[in-house]
C-alpha atoms as a PDB file:
ATOM      1  CA  MET A   1     -12.793  62.725  39.694  1.00  0.00           C
ATOM      2  CA  CYS A   2     -15.511  60.254  40.374  1.00  0.00           C
ATOM      3  CA  SER A   3     -18.486  61.288  42.471  1.00  0.00           C
ATOM      4  CA  TYR A   4     -19.693  58.786  45.044  1.00  0.00           C
ATOM      5  CA  THR A   5     -23.020  58.808  46.955  1.00  0.00           C
ATOM      6  CA  ARG A   6     -24.581  56.322  49.353  1.00  0.00           C
ATOM      7  CA  ASN A   7     -27.915  56.443  51.186  1.00  0.00           C
ATOM      8  CA  TRP A   8     -27.804  55.006  54.685  1.00  0.00           C
ATOM      9  CA  ASN A   9     -29.513  55.538  58.024  1.00  0.00           C
ATOM     10  CA  PHE A  10     -28.824  54.691  61.661  1.00  0.00           C
ATOM     11  CA  THR A  11     -30.073  51.109  61.273  1.00  0.00           C
ATOM     12  CA  THR A  12     -27.670  50.317  58.478  1.00  0.00           C
ATOM     13  CA  PHE A  13     -24.896  52.066  60.398  1.00  0.00           C
ATOM     14  CA  TRP A  14     -25.522  49.915  63.463  1.00  0.00           C
ATOM     15  CA  GLN A  15     -25.580  46.756  61.322  1.00  0.00           C
ATOM     16  CA  GLY A  16     -22.283  47.750  59.806  1.00  0.00           C
ATOM     17  CA  MET A  17     -20.707  48.354  63.210  1.00  0.00           C
ATOM     18  CA  ARG A  18     -21.979  45.004  64.428  1.00  0.00           C
ATOM     19  CA  CYS A  19     -20.732  43.076  61.417  1.00  0.00           C
ATOM     20  CA  CYS A  20     -17.228  44.462  61.924  1.00  0.00           C
ATOM     21  CA  CYS A  21     -16.918  42.028  64.787  1.00  0.00           C
ATOM     22  CA  CYS A  22     -17.884  39.049  62.671  1.00  0.00           C
ATOM     23  CA  CYS A  23     -15.279  37.327  60.609  1.00  0.00           C
ATOM     24  CA  THR A  24     -14.769  33.909  59.157  1.00  0.00           C
ATOM     25  CA  VAL A  25     -11.686  32.026  58.196  1.00  0.00           C
ATOM     26  CA  SER A  26     -11.483  30.364  54.805  1.00  0.00           C
ATOM     27  CA  TYR A  27      -8.791  28.164  53.322  1.00  0.00           C
ATOM     28  CA  PHE A  28      -7.804  28.174  49.665  1.00  0.00           C
ATOM     29  CA  SER A  29      -6.073  25.435  47.727  1.00  0.00           C
ATOM     30  CA  HIS A  30      -2.722  27.106  48.500  1.00  0.00           C
ATOM     31  CA  HIS A  31      -3.430  26.887  52.261  1.00  0.00           C
ATOM     32  CA  PHE A  32      -3.509  30.642  52.765  1.00  0.00           C
ATOM     33  CA  CYS A  33      -6.080  32.084  55.152  1.00  0.00           C
ATOM     34  CA  TYR A  34      -7.618  35.474  55.179  1.00  0.00           C
ATOM     35  CA  PHE A  35     -10.333  37.352  57.028  1.00  0.00           C
ATOM     36  CA  SER A  36     -13.407  38.554  55.183  1.00  0.00           C
ATOM     37  CA  LEU A  37     -16.731  39.983  56.149  1.00  0.00           C
ATOM     38  CA  TYR A  38     -19.905  38.929  54.396  1.00  0.00           C
ATOM     39  CA  GLN A  39     -21.832  42.133  55.025  1.00  0.00           C
ATOM     40  CA  GLN A  40     -22.173  45.158  52.794  1.00  0.00           C
ATOM     41  CA  TYR A  41     -19.870  47.367  54.854  1.00  0.00           C
ATOM     42  CA  SER A  42     -16.398  46.282  55.820  1.00  0.00           C
ATOM     43  CA  ASN A  43     -13.229  47.751  57.241  1.00  0.00           C
ATOM     44  CA  VAL A  44     -11.055  44.851  56.040  1.00  0.00           C
ATOM     45  CA  CYS A  45     -10.094  44.567  52.362  1.00  0.00           C
ATOM     46  CA  LEU A  46      -8.360  41.591  50.719  1.00  0.00           C
ATOM     47  CA  ASN A  47      -7.045  41.986  47.171  1.00  0.00           C
ATOM     48  CA  PHE A  48      -6.117  38.921  45.167  1.00  0.00           C
ATOM     49  CA  LEU A  49      -3.087  38.908  42.871  1.00  0.00           C
ATOM     50  CA  ILE A  50      -5.306  39.658  39.906  1.00  0.00           C
ATOM     51  CA  HIS A  51      -7.101  42.748  41.194  1.00  0.00           C
ATOM     52  CA  ILE A  52      -6.335  46.351  42.079  1.00  0.00           C
ATOM     53  CA  SER A  53      -8.838  48.209  44.286  1.00  0.00           C
ATOM     54  CA  PHE A  54      -9.691  51.914  44.333  1.00  0.00           C
ATOM     55  CA  THR A  55     -10.588  53.469  47.700  1.00  0.00           C
ATOM     56  CA  LEU A  56     -12.646  56.550  48.410  1.00  0.00           C
ATOM     57  CA  CYS A  57     -12.207  58.767  51.438  1.00  0.00           C
ATOM     58  CA  HIS A  58     -14.869  61.397  52.057  1.00  0.00           C
ATOM     59  CA  LEU A  59     -16.293  60.615  48.603  1.00  0.00           C
ATOM     60  CA  GLN A  60     -12.961  61.377  46.899  1.00  0.00           C
ATOM     61  CA  PHE A  61     -10.316  59.085  45.417  1.00  0.00           C
ATOM     62  CA  GLU A  62      -7.653  58.314  47.975  1.00  0.00           C
ATOM     63  CA  GLN A  63      -5.324  55.526  46.846  1.00  0.00           C
ATOM     64  CA  LEU A  64      -4.805  52.335  44.862  1.00  0.00           C
ATOM     65  CA  LEU A  65      -4.666  49.118  46.822  1.00  0.00           C
ATOM     66  CA  LYS A  66      -2.315  46.548  45.358  1.00  0.00           C
ATOM     67  CA  PRO A  67      -2.829  42.801  45.871  1.00  0.00           C
ATOM     68  CA  GLY A  68      -2.714  41.867  49.543  1.00  0.00           C
ATOM     69  CA  LEU A  69      -4.537  42.418  52.861  1.00  0.00           C
ATOM     70  CA  HIS A  70      -5.446  46.005  53.702  1.00  0.00           C
ATOM     71  CA  CYS A  71      -7.337  47.582  56.630  1.00  0.00           C
ATOM     72  CA  LEU A  72      -9.611  50.508  55.864  1.00  0.00           C
ATOM     73  CA  PRO A  73     -10.995  53.067  58.333  1.00  0.00           C
ATOM     74  CA  TRP A  74     -14.663  52.435  57.693  1.00  0.00           C
ATOM     75  CA  PRO A  75     -16.936  54.307  57.069  1.00  0.00           C
ATOM     76  CA  CYS A  76     -14.544  57.060  56.042  1.00  0.00           C
ATOM     77  CA  ALA A  77     -12.814  54.894  53.408  1.00  0.00           C
ATOM     78  CA  THR A  78     -14.642  52.460  51.172  1.00  0.00           C
ATOM     79  CA  ILE A  79     -13.907  50.350  48.085  1.00  0.00           C
ATOM     80  CA  GLN A  80     -15.127  52.135  44.985  1.00  0.00           C
ATOM     81  CA  ASN A  81     -14.098  49.692  42.232  1.00  0.00           C
ATOM     82  CA  ARG A  82     -11.854  46.752  41.420  1.00  0.00           C
ATOM     83  CA  VAL A  83      -9.886  46.375  38.188  1.00  0.00           C
ATOM     84  CA  SER A  84      -8.874  42.920  36.993  1.00  0.00           C
ATOM     85  CA  LEU A  85      -5.314  42.290  35.839  1.00  0.00           C
ATOM     86  CA  LYS A  86      -6.230  39.140  33.932  1.00  0.00           C
ATOM     87  CA  ILE A  87      -5.686  38.822  30.196  1.00  0.00           C
ATOM     88  CA  GLN A  88      -9.089  39.402  28.622  1.00  0.00           C
ATOM     89  CA  GLN A  89     -10.397  38.508  25.175  1.00  0.00           C
ATOM     90  CA  LEU A  90     -12.804  40.503  23.053  1.00  0.00           C
ATOM     91  CA  ASP A  91     -14.293  39.074  19.842  1.00  0.00           C
ATOM     92  CA  VAL A  92     -15.277  41.690  17.278  1.00  0.00           C
ATOM     93  CA  LYS A  93     -17.423  40.673  14.286  1.00  0.00           C
ATOM     94  CA  CYS A  94     -17.306  42.919  11.267  1.00  0.00           C
ATOM     95  CA  GLU A  95     -19.013  42.899   7.858  1.00  0.00           C
ATOM     96  CA  THR A  96     -17.101  44.629   5.094  1.00  0.00           C
ATOM     97  CA  LYS A  97     -16.509  44.539   1.343  1.00  0.00           C
ATOM     98  CA  THR A  98     -13.371  43.498  -0.496  1.00  0.00           C
ATOM     99  CA  ARG A  99     -11.776  45.157  -3.498  1.00  0.00           C
ATOM    100  CA  ASP A 100     -13.589  42.826  -5.915  1.00  0.00           C
ATOM    101  CA  ASN A 101     -17.003  43.735  -4.385  1.00  0.00           C
ATOM    102  CA  VAL A 102     -17.494  40.642  -2.228  1.00  0.00           C
ATOM    103  CA  PHE A 103     -19.050  41.027   1.224  1.00  0.00           C
ATOM    104  CA  VAL A 104     -17.298  39.060   3.956  1.00  0.00           C
ATOM    105  CA  HIS A 105     -17.778  38.584   7.696  1.00  0.00           C
ATOM    106  CA  LEU A 106     -14.559  38.793   9.736  1.00  0.00           C
ATOM    107  CA  THR A 107     -14.180  37.741  13.356  1.00  0.00           C
ATOM    108  CA  THR A 108     -11.240  39.414  15.106  1.00  0.00           C
ATOM    109  CA  SER A 109     -10.102  38.423  18.612  1.00  0.00           C
ATOM    110  CA  ILE A 110      -8.352  41.062  20.729  1.00  0.00           C
ATOM    111  CA  LEU A 111      -6.245  39.965  23.721  1.00  0.00           C
ATOM    112  CA  TYR A 112      -5.689  42.885  26.086  1.00  0.00           C
ATOM    113  CA  GLN A 113      -4.628  43.525  29.686  1.00  0.00           C
ATOM    114  CA  VAL A 114      -4.670  46.429  32.132  1.00  0.00           C
ATOM    115  CA  GLN A 115      -1.223  47.885  32.867  1.00  0.00           C
ATOM    116  CA  PRO A 116      -0.652  47.841  36.647  1.00  0.00           C
ATOM    117  CA  SER A 117       1.267  51.118  36.446  1.00  0.00           C
ATOM    118  CA  LYS A 118      -1.656  52.797  34.646  1.00  0.00           C
ATOM    119  CA  ALA A 119      -4.551  51.310  36.566  1.00  0.00           C
ATOM    120  CA  TYR A 120      -5.830  54.801  37.454  1.00  0.00           C
ATOM    121  CA  GLU A 121      -6.155  55.744  33.765  1.00  0.00           C
ATOM    122  CA  ALA A 122      -7.751  52.393  32.953  1.00  0.00           C
ATOM    123  CA  ASN A 123     -10.398  52.897  35.630  1.00  0.00           C
ATOM    124  CA  TYR A 124     -11.227  56.595  35.225  1.00  0.00           C
ATOM    125  CA  SER A 125     -10.458  57.401  31.573  1.00  0.00           C
ATOM    126  CA  LEU A 126     -12.913  55.163  29.740  1.00  0.00           C
ATOM    127  CA  VAL A 127     -16.491  54.370  30.681  1.00  0.00           C
ATOM    128  CA  ASN A 128     -16.689  51.253  28.495  1.00  0.00           C
ATOM    129  CA  PRO A 129     -13.269  50.149  27.216  1.00  0.00           C
ATOM    130  CA  ARG A 130     -14.625  47.088  25.387  1.00  0.00           C
ATOM    131  CA  SER A 131     -16.924  49.299  23.340  1.00  0.00           C
ATOM    132  CA  GLN A 132     -14.027  51.648  22.538  1.00  0.00           C
ATOM    133  CA  ILE A 133     -11.846  48.741  21.403  1.00  0.00           C
ATOM    134  CA  SER A 134     -14.649  47.316  19.247  1.00  0.00           C
ATOM    135  CA  ALA A 135     -15.268  50.650  17.539  1.00  0.00           C
ATOM    136  CA  HIS A 136     -11.580  51.140  16.808  1.00  0.00           C
ATOM    137  CA  VAL A 137     -11.179  47.597  15.429  1.00  0.00           C
ATOM    138  CA  LEU A 138     -14.205  48.025  13.155  1.00  0.00           C
ATOM    139  CA  ASN A 139     -12.783  51.270  11.834  1.00  0.00           C
ATOM    140  CA  ILE A 140      -9.399  49.699  11.026  1.00  0.00           C
ATOM    141  CA  VAL A 141     -10.796  46.519   9.451  1.00  0.00           C
ATOM    142  CA  ARG A 142     -13.220  48.453   7.247  1.00  0.00           C
ATOM    143  CA  SER A 143     -10.365  50.623   6.005  1.00  0.00           C
ATOM    144  CA  VAL A 144      -7.908  47.772   5.287  1.00  0.00           C
ATOM    145  CA  VAL A 145     -10.060  44.999   3.789  1.00  0.00           C
ATOM    146  CA  PRO A 146     -11.585  47.105   0.935  1.00  0.00           C
ATOM    147  CA  THR A 147      -8.064  47.524  -0.492  1.00  0.00           C
ATOM    148  CA  LEU A 148      -7.589  43.750  -0.838  1.00  0.00           C
ATOM    149  CA  LYS A 149      -9.100  41.132  -3.085  1.00  0.00           C
ATOM    150  CA  LEU A 150     -10.893  38.149  -1.617  1.00  0.00           C
ATOM    151  CA  ASP A 151      -8.118  35.690  -2.484  1.00  0.00           C
ATOM    152  CA  HIS A 152      -5.513  37.947  -0.884  1.00  0.00           C
ATOM    153  CA  VAL A 153      -7.606  38.207   2.276  1.00  0.00           C
ATOM    154  CA  PHE A 154      -7.609  34.410   2.571  1.00  0.00           C
ATOM    155  CA  LEU A 155      -4.003  33.777   1.546  1.00  0.00           C
ATOM    156  CA  SER A 156      -1.539  36.265   2.972  1.00  0.00           C
ATOM    157  CA  SER A 157      -3.405  39.260   4.336  1.00  0.00           C
ATOM    158  CA  LYS A 158      -4.688  37.778   7.606  1.00  0.00           C
ATOM    159  CA  SER A 159      -1.339  38.513   9.221  1.00  0.00           C
ATOM    160  CA  ASP A 160      -1.258  41.940   7.560  1.00  0.00           C
ATOM    161  CA  ILE A 161      -4.698  42.776   8.959  1.00  0.00           C
ATOM    162  CA  SER A 162      -3.652  41.560  12.421  1.00  0.00           C
ATOM    163  CA  LEU A 163      -0.478  43.647  12.384  1.00  0.00           C
ATOM    164  CA  GLU A 164      -2.309  46.758  11.219  1.00  0.00           C
ATOM    165  CA  VAL A 165      -5.026  46.401  13.865  1.00  0.00           C
ATOM    166  CA  SER A 166      -2.490  45.639  16.607  1.00  0.00           C
ATOM    167  CA  ARG A 167      -0.260  48.592  15.714  1.00  0.00           C
ATOM    168  CA  SER A 168      -3.081  51.112  15.533  1.00  0.00           C
ATOM    169  CA  LEU A 169      -4.958  49.770  18.553  1.00  0.00           C
ATOM    170  CA  GLN A 170      -1.834  49.679  20.729  1.00  0.00           C
ATOM    171  CA  GLY A 171      -1.128  53.323  20.033  1.00  0.00           C
ATOM    172  CA  PHE A 172      -4.735  54.234  20.797  1.00  0.00           C
ATOM    173  CA  MET A 173      -5.252  52.220  24.014  1.00  0.00           C
ATOM    174  CA  ASN A 174      -1.807  52.600  25.585  1.00  0.00           C
ATOM    175  CA  LYS A 175      -2.549  56.092  26.871  1.00  0.00           C
ATOM    176  CA  TYR A 176      -5.646  54.720  28.625  1.00  0.00           C
ATOM    177  CA  GLY A 177      -3.703  52.057  30.515  1.00  0.00           C
ATOM    178  CA  TYR A 178      -4.343  49.018  28.295  1.00  0.00           C
ATOM    179  CA  ASP A 179      -1.813  46.744  26.622  1.00  0.00           C
ATOM    180  CA  ILE A 180      -2.851  45.021  23.367  1.00  0.00           C
ATOM    181  CA  LEU A 181      -1.112  41.655  23.581  1.00  0.00           C
ATOM    182  CA  ASN A 182      -2.261  40.039  20.356  1.00  0.00           C
ATOM    183  CA  VAL A 183      -4.764  40.415  17.521  1.00  0.00           C
ATOM    184  CA  LEU A 184      -6.024  37.309  15.710  1.00  0.00           C
ATOM    185  CA  VAL A 185      -8.224  37.140  12.623  1.00  0.00           C
ATOM    186  CA  GLN A 186     -10.080  33.959  13.497  1.00  0.00           C
ATOM    187  CA  ASP A 187     -12.652  33.545  10.763  1.00  0.00           C
ATOM    188  CA  ILE A 188     -13.399  34.900   7.289  1.00  0.00           C
ATOM    189  CA  GLN A 189     -16.833  34.027   5.974  1.00  0.00           C
ATOM    190  CA  PRO A 190     -17.970  35.288   2.551  1.00  0.00           C
ATOM    191  CA  GLU A 191     -21.557  35.065   1.386  1.00  0.00           C
ATOM    192  CA  GLU A 192     -22.968  31.595   0.749  1.00  0.00           C
ATOM    193  CA  LYS A 193     -23.364  32.227  -2.982  1.00  0.00           C
ATOM    194  CA  VAL A 194     -19.754  33.383  -3.194  1.00  0.00           C
ATOM    195  CA  LYS A 195     -18.553  30.245  -1.428  1.00  0.00           C
ATOM    196  CA  LYS A 196     -20.531  28.062  -3.820  1.00  0.00           C
ATOM    197  CA  SER A 197     -19.144  29.903  -6.839  1.00  0.00           C
ATOM    198  CA  MET A 198     -15.599  29.606  -5.482  1.00  0.00           C
ATOM    199  CA  ASN A 199     -16.085  25.879  -4.978  1.00  0.00           C
ATOM    200  CA  GLU A 200     -17.469  25.543  -8.509  1.00  0.00           C
ATOM    201  CA  ILE A 201     -14.513  27.458  -9.943  1.00  0.00           C
ATOM    202  CA  MET A 202     -12.088  25.236  -8.082  1.00  0.00           C
ATOM    203  CA  SER A 203     -13.903  22.062  -9.146  1.00  0.00           C
ATOM    204  CA  ALA A 204     -13.896  23.290 -12.770  1.00  0.00           C
ATOM    205  CA  LYS A 205     -10.140  23.906 -12.595  1.00  0.00           C
ATOM    206  CA  LYS A 206      -9.571  20.453 -11.128  1.00  0.00           C
ATOM    207  CA  TRP A 207     -11.814  18.896 -13.788  1.00  0.00           C
ATOM    208  CA  LYS A 208      -9.884  20.747 -16.506  1.00  0.00           C
ATOM    209  CA  GLN A 209      -6.593  19.500 -15.127  1.00  0.00           C
ATOM    210  CA  ALA A 210      -7.998  15.983 -14.940  1.00  0.00           C
ATOM    211  CA  MET A 211      -9.111  16.169 -18.579  1.00  0.00           C
ATOM    212  CA  VAL A 212      -5.673  17.431 -19.621  1.00  0.00           C
ATOM    213  CA  HIS A 213      -3.962  14.581 -17.817  1.00  0.00           C
ATOM    214  CA  LYS A 214      -6.453  12.100 -19.255  1.00  0.00           C
ATOM    215  CA  ALA A 215      -5.853  13.406 -22.791  1.00  0.00           C
ATOM    216  CA  GLU A 216      -2.105  13.228 -22.252  1.00  0.00           C
ATOM    217  CA  GLY A 217      -2.492   9.644 -21.110  1.00  0.00           C
ATOM    218  CA  GLU A 218      -4.577   8.746 -24.159  1.00  0.00           C
ATOM    219  CA  LYS A 219      -2.045  10.498 -26.401  1.00  0.00           C
ATOM    220  CA  ILE A 220       0.822   8.536 -24.916  1.00  0.00           C
ATOM    221  CA  LYS A 221      -1.181   5.318 -25.249  1.00  0.00           C
ATOM    222  CA  LYS A 222      -1.964   5.971 -28.919  1.00  0.00           C
ATOM    223  CA  VAL A 223       1.621   6.939 -29.678  1.00  0.00           C
ATOM    224  CA  LYS A 224       2.883   3.795 -28.028  1.00  0.00           C
ATOM    225  CA  ASP A 225       0.274   1.727 -29.875  1.00  0.00           C
ATOM    226  CA  ALA A 226       1.344   3.312 -33.177  1.00  0.00           C
ATOM    227  CA  GLU A 227       4.994   2.669 -32.415  1.00  0.00           C
ATOM    228  CA  ALA A 228       4.190  -0.919 -31.523  1.00  0.00           C
ATOM    229  CA  HIS A 229       2.108  -1.326 -34.696  1.00  0.00           C
ATOM    230  CA  ALA A 230       4.932   0.150 -36.795  1.00  0.00           C
ATOM    231  CA  GLU A 231       7.374  -2.232 -35.180  1.00  0.00           C
ATOM    232  CA  VAL A 232       5.021  -5.135 -35.883  1.00  0.00           C
ATOM    233  CA  LEU A 233       4.679  -4.106 -39.530  1.00  0.00           C
ATOM    234  CA  TYR A 234       8.416  -3.686 -39.824  1.00  0.00           C
ATOM    235  CA  LEU A 235       9.096  -7.105 -38.399  1.00  0.00           C
ATOM    236  CA  HIS A 236       6.300  -8.565 -40.511  1.00  0.00           C
ATOM    237  CA  GLY A 237       7.862  -6.997 -43.627  1.00  0.00           C
ATOM    238  CA  VAL A 238      11.272  -8.306 -42.654  1.00  0.00           C
ATOM    239  CA  GLY A 239       9.750 -11.744 -42.248  1.00  0.00           C
ATOM    240  CA  ILE A 240       7.982 -11.573 -45.618  1.00  0.00           C
ATOM    241  CA  SER A 241      11.159 -10.318 -47.275  1.00  0.00           C
ATOM    242  CA  LYS A 242      13.173 -13.156 -45.848  1.00  0.00           C
ATOM    243  CA  GLU A 243      10.420 -15.604 -46.742  1.00  0.00           C
ATOM    244  CA  ARG A 244      10.316 -14.456 -50.363  1.00  0.00           C
ATOM    245  CA  THR A 245      14.098 -14.414 -50.547  1.00  0.00           C
ATOM    246  CA  GLU A 246      14.268 -17.988 -49.384  1.00  0.00           C
ATOM    247  CA  ILE A 247      11.457 -18.966 -51.757  1.00  0.00           C
ATOM    248  CA  SER A 248      13.245 -17.341 -54.686  1.00  0.00           C
ATOM    249  CA  HIS A 249      16.475 -19.063 -53.725  1.00  0.00           C
ATOM    250  CA  GLY A 250      14.641 -22.349 -53.467  1.00  0.00           C
ATOM    251  CA  LEU A 251      12.977 -21.906 -56.850  1.00  0.00           C
ATOM    252  CA  ARG A 252      16.290 -20.976 -58.428  1.00  0.00           C
ATOM    253  CA  ASP A 253      17.966 -24.029 -56.960  1.00  0.00           C
ATOM    254  CA  ALA A 254      15.021 -26.147 -58.086  1.00  0.00           C
ATOM    255  CA  MET A 255      15.322 -24.858 -61.645  1.00  0.00           C
ATOM    256  CA  ILE A 256      19.057 -25.511 -61.654  1.00  0.00           C
ATOM    257  CA  ASN A 257      18.602 -28.999 -60.290  1.00  0.00           C
ATOM    258  CA  PHE A 258      15.805 -29.660 -62.777  1.00  0.00           C
ATOM    259  CA  THR A 259      17.884 -28.670 -65.803  1.00  0.00           C
ATOM    260  CA  SER A 260      20.983 -30.455 -64.567  1.00  0.00           C
ATOM    261  CA  SER A 261      19.293 -33.735 -63.661  1.00  0.00           C
ATOM    262  CA  ASN A 262      17.046 -34.038 -66.723  1.00  0.00           C
ATOM    263  CA  ASP A 263      18.214 -36.484 -69.420  1.00  0.00           C
ATOM    264  CA  ASP A 264      16.673 -34.452 -72.228  1.00  0.00           C
ATOM    265  CA  THR A 265      19.465 -32.695 -74.121  1.00  0.00           C
ATOM    266  CA  SER A 266      17.224 -29.792 -75.180  1.00  0.00           C
ATOM    267  CA  ILE A 267      16.285 -29.048 -71.566  1.00  0.00           C
ATOM    268  CA  LYS A 268      19.881 -29.295 -70.433  1.00  0.00           C
ATOM    269  CA  ASN A 269      20.972 -26.789 -73.057  1.00  0.00           C
ATOM    270  CA  THR A 270      18.292 -24.335 -71.840  1.00  0.00           C
ATOM    271  CA  ALA A 271      19.664 -22.204 -68.981  1.00  0.00           C
ATOM    272  CA  ALA A 272      17.275 -21.075 -66.234  1.00  0.00           C
ATOM    273  CA  THR A 273      17.201 -17.300 -66.004  1.00  0.00           C
ATOM    274  CA  SER A 274      16.061 -14.960 -63.229  1.00  0.00           C
ATOM    275  CA  LYS A 275      12.995 -14.042 -65.303  1.00  0.00           C
ATOM    276  CA  ASP A 276      11.800 -17.628 -65.113  1.00  0.00           C
ATOM    277  CA  VAL A 277      12.116 -17.572 -61.373  1.00  0.00           C
ATOM    278  CA  MET A 278      10.214 -14.240 -61.151  1.00  0.00           C
ATOM    279  CA  ASP A 279       7.421 -15.623 -63.324  1.00  0.00           C
ATOM    280  CA  ILE A 280       7.038 -18.563 -60.998  1.00  0.00           C
ATOM    281  CA  LEU A 281       7.006 -16.216 -57.967  1.00  0.00           C
ATOM    282  CA  VAL A 282       4.349 -13.977 -59.528  1.00  0.00           C
ATOM    283  CA  LEU A 283       2.214 -16.987 -60.332  1.00  0.00           C
ATOM    284  CA  SER A 284       2.633 -18.313 -56.800  1.00  0.00           C
ATOM    285  CA  HIS A 285       1.653 -14.955 -55.273  1.00  0.00           C
ATOM    286  CA  TYR A 286      -1.335 -14.747 -57.609  1.00  0.00           C
ATOM    287  CA  PHE A 287      -2.646 -18.070 -56.362  1.00  0.00           C
ATOM    288  CA  ASP A 288      -1.994 -17.037 -52.758  1.00  0.00           C
ATOM    289  CA  THR A 289      -4.015 -13.875 -53.331  1.00  0.00           C
ATOM    290  CA  LEU A 290      -6.913 -15.816 -54.810  1.00  0.00           C
ATOM    291  CA  ALA A 291      -6.854 -18.150 -51.824  1.00  0.00           C
ATOM    292  CA  SER A 292      -6.902 -15.256 -49.308  1.00  0.00           C
ATOM    293  CA  ILE A 293      -9.748 -13.248 -50.886  1.00  0.00           C
ATOM    294  CA  GLY A 294     -11.781 -16.039 -52.330  1.00  0.00           C
ATOM    295  CA  SER A 295     -13.707 -16.747 -49.125  1.00  0.00           C
ATOM    296  CA  ASN A 296     -15.528 -13.384 -48.765  1.00  0.00           C
ATOM    297  CA  ARG A 297     -14.904 -11.407 -51.980  1.00  0.00           C
ATOM    298  CA  VAL A 298     -15.655 -11.769 -55.704  1.00  0.00           C
ATOM    299  CA  LEU A 299     -12.764 -11.142 -58.075  1.00  0.00           C
ATOM    300  CA  LEU A 300     -13.723  -9.910 -61.563  1.00  0.00           C
ATOM    301  CA  HIS A 301     -11.220 -10.743 -64.300  1.00  0.00           C
ATOM    302  CA  MET A 302     -11.044  -8.140 -67.037  1.00  0.00           C
ATOM    303  CA  ASP A 303      -8.590  -6.613 -69.418  1.00  0.00           C
ATOM    304  CA  PRO A 304      -7.684  -2.904 -69.268  1.00  0.00           C
ATOM    305  CA  GLY A 305      -9.523  -2.407 -72.566  1.00  0.00           C
ATOM    306  CA  GLU A 306     -12.830  -3.481 -71.033  1.00  0.00           C
ATOM    307  CA  LEU A 307     -12.916  -0.254 -68.980  1.00  0.00           C
ATOM    308  CA  LYS A 308     -13.472   1.764 -72.171  1.00  0.00           C
ATOM    309  CA  GLU A 309     -16.386  -0.475 -73.103  1.00  0.00           C
ATOM    310  CA  LEU A 310     -17.900  -0.037 -69.629  1.00  0.00           C
ATOM    311  CA  ARG A 311     -17.531   3.729 -69.917  1.00  0.00           C
ATOM    312  CA  GLY A 312     -19.237   3.695 -73.295  1.00  0.00           C
ATOM    313  CA  GLN A 313     -22.130   1.744 -71.813  1.00  0.00           C
ATOM    314  CA  LEU A 314     -22.568   4.213 -68.940  1.00  0.00           C
ATOM    315  CA  SER A 315     -22.086   7.410 -70.982  1.00  0.00           C
ATOM    316  CA  PRO A 316     -25.700   7.530 -72.360  1.00  0.00           C
ATOM    317  CA  PHE A 317     -27.079   7.542 -68.819  1.00  0.00           C
ATOM    318  CA  PHE A 318     -24.873  10.477 -67.827  1.00  0.00           C
ATOM    319  CA  ALA A 319     -25.705  12.283 -71.079  1.00  0.00           C
ATOM    320  CA  LYS A 320     -29.409  11.967 -70.263  1.00  0.00           C
ATOM    321  CA  ALA A 321     -28.732  13.279 -66.782  1.00  0.00           C
ATOM    322  CA  SER A 322     -26.889  16.217 -68.380  1.00  0.00           C
ATOM    323  CA  ASN A 323     -29.941  17.136 -70.467  1.00  0.00           C
ATOM    324  CA  ASP A 324     -32.164  16.904 -67.405  1.00  0.00           C
ATOM    325  CA  GLY A 325     -29.699  19.108 -65.528  1.00  0.00           C
ATOM    326  CA  GLU A 326     -29.960  21.844 -68.140  1.00  0.00           C
ATOM    327  CA  ALA A 327     -33.725  21.777 -67.696  1.00  0.00           C
ATOM    328  CA  ASP A 328     -33.261  21.999 -63.901  1.00  0.00           C
ATOM    329  CA  GLY A 329     -30.879  24.923 -64.101  1.00  0.00           C
ATOM    330  CA  GLY A 330     -27.568  23.069 -64.493  1.00  0.00           C
ATOM    331  CA  ASN A 331     -27.440  21.431 -61.073  1.00  0.00           C
ATOM    332  CA  SER A 332     -26.959  17.827 -62.325  1.00  0.00           C
ATOM    333  CA  VAL A 333     -23.812  15.898 -63.270  1.00  0.00           C
ATOM    334  CA  VAL A 334     -22.682  16.707 -66.833  1.00  0.00           C
ATOM    335  CA  ASP A 335     -20.178  13.961 -67.557  1.00  0.00           C
ATOM    336  CA  ILE A 336     -18.398  11.073 -65.968  1.00  0.00           C
ATOM    337  CA  PRO A 337     -15.317  12.341 -64.098  1.00  0.00           C
ATOM    338  CA  ASP A 338     -12.084  11.110 -65.597  1.00  0.00           C
ATOM    339  CA  PHE A 339     -10.563  10.265 -62.245  1.00  0.00           C
ATOM    340  CA  LEU A 340     -13.120   7.430 -61.884  1.00  0.00           C
ATOM    341  CA  TRP A 341     -11.344   5.598 -64.658  1.00  0.00           C
END
């Protein structure tokens, strides 16, 4: 039961009685008119469609006034309070810690409405319903978020948090005359350092993927270049083979024509063999090689036996180095390696 007190004297009483005779007519956008008094005390009450009024008679609760025009026996009955039936929104900000020890700031929006059938409980049960809702939401969020990792909070757990808060809050506020219509997790803000580190991790992953794709592209390019080079060498070899085949055929035909067309009997009796043709080919290739390397290289002509003489000339120098190596502890070259020859 709500206690109600008011201090008034004869002057205020007379002003109230006089203002009962004063009324004005106002028009709304829907062209409805109503009578209202602009003084403190009134015996005419108009409730809009979004309000429910509570009347007091002899300082005790008397009745609920639904939307509409009502006449009150002033000063015995007065309006004690009005409760709005609009859908209201309450934003609750909460700081909590995730399972992987990251502090985050969550903003949760609660959409609630007073139940018309439980307007009495909504008006007299709670002194500050918004504070009660905020405390309950903070309690639920701080019990749910620490069981989740930061990535899960961002990805799939926003709906889970909303459902958990809505279910628990609906059961808590329903007995006090409030309906919880919806719960929305609007914003999740971790610490600035955590956001920077998350961005760096993501950029590093993207850079790694870019490097992998770049390496794959270079690999494919090199493989294709190698395949193209192999094809070029193959075709070049086929061309050289055909060239040498035609040259050998030409030389053979030339030798046959030379022996058959010569008037000398000794030359005619000499048959051209394949060895003669090969000797001519080797000599031709030898001259081609000299022509190709003669511009920027020096070709030294020597017999295989000259290598032994060159080794004999260099052996004294290596023998001297061997003696010096024994004096140094055996760290010098002892002899000329055989694979150099």
